[in-house]
Amino acid sequence: MSVYATNRASANGAASGIVSRIASAIVAWNDARVTRNALAKLTDRELDDIGLSRGDIDFIGARA
């Protein structure tokens, strides 16, 4: 009977970690881009209603 160990670390573990970090960075960048675009489409009155100004958009987008 042969046994296959599924809990051993793979040889390409470091490579998958790098790919995972790159994917996370891309997702974070896209989330910030979408947030900035959505806020930029709002009028000054709508921004004021939620307590923001045009100058806050980049700051908020960077935190998203």
Protein backbone atom coordinates (compact mmCIF):
# COMPACT_ATOMS: atom_id res chain seq x y z
CA MET A 1 0.00 0.00 0.00
CA SER A 2 1.41 3.39 -0.91
CA VAL A 3 0.80 6.48 1.13
CA TYR A 4 0.85 10.03 -0.17
CA ALA A 5 1.61 12.72 2.38
CA THR A 6 -0.53 15.80 1.75
CA ASN A 7 0.76 17.90 4.60
CA ARG A 8 4.34 18.33 3.40
CA ALA A 9 5.56 21.76 2.32
CA SER A 10 5.81 22.06 -1.42
CA ALA A 11 9.05 22.84 -3.16
CA ASN A 12 7.56 25.96 -4.73
CA GLY A 13 6.16 27.41 -1.50
CA ALA A 14 8.22 30.58 -1.82
CA ALA A 15 7.03 31.13 -5.37
CA SER A 16 3.39 30.76 -4.39
CA GLY A 17 3.94 33.25 -1.55
CA ILE A 18 5.31 35.81 -3.98
CA VAL A 19 2.43 35.28 -6.37
CA SER A 20 -0.01 35.63 -3.49
CA ARG A 21 1.56 38.94 -2.39
CA ILE A 22 1.49 40.27 -5.95
CA ALA A 23 -2.16 39.27 -6.34
CA SER A 24 -3.01 40.97 -3.03
CA ALA A 25 -1.25 44.15 -4.13
CA ILE A 26 -3.17 44.18 -7.41
CA VAL A 27 -6.48 43.66 -5.62
CA ALA A 28 -5.70 46.48 -3.16
CA TRP A 29 -4.69 48.81 -6.00
CA ASN A 30 -7.91 48.04 -7.90
CA ASP A 31 -10.06 48.59 -4.79
CA ALA A 32 -8.45 52.00 -4.26
CA ARG A 33 -8.96 52.87 -7.94
CA VAL A 34 -12.64 51.92 -7.83
CA THR A 35 -13.15 53.89 -4.62
CA ARG A 36 -11.46 57.01 -6.03
CA ASN A 37 -13.52 56.81 -9.23
CA ALA A 38 -16.79 56.38 -7.33
CA LEU A 39 -16.05 59.33 -5.06
CA ALA A 40 -14.93 61.49 -7.99
CA LYS A 41 -18.32 60.99 -9.65
CA LEU A 42 -20.15 62.47 -6.67
CA THR A 43 -21.10 66.14 -6.63
CA ASP A 44 -19.62 68.52 -4.08
CA ARG A 45 -22.97 68.52 -2.29
CA GLU A 46 -23.02 64.71 -2.07
CA LEU A 47 -19.45 64.66 -0.79
CA ASP A 48 -20.37 67.28 1.81
CA ASP A 49 -23.32 65.13 2.91
CA ILE A 50 -20.94 62.28 3.77
CA GLY A 51 -18.42 64.60 5.37
CA LEU A 52 -15.81 64.68 2.61
CA SER A 53 -14.35 67.23 0.23
CA ARG A 54 -12.64 66.82 -3.15
CA GLY A 55 -9.27 67.00 -1.41
CA ASP A 56 -10.13 63.95 0.67
CA ILE A 57 -10.68 61.62 -2.29
CA ASP A 58 -7.05 60.60 -2.79
CA PHE A 59 -6.55 60.11 0.95
CA ILE A 60 -9.67 57.93 1.27
CA GLY A 61 -8.77 56.01 -1.90
CA ALA A 62 -5.32 55.23 -0.53
CA ARG A 63 -6.86 53.77 2.65
CA ALA A 64 -9.35 51.56 0.77
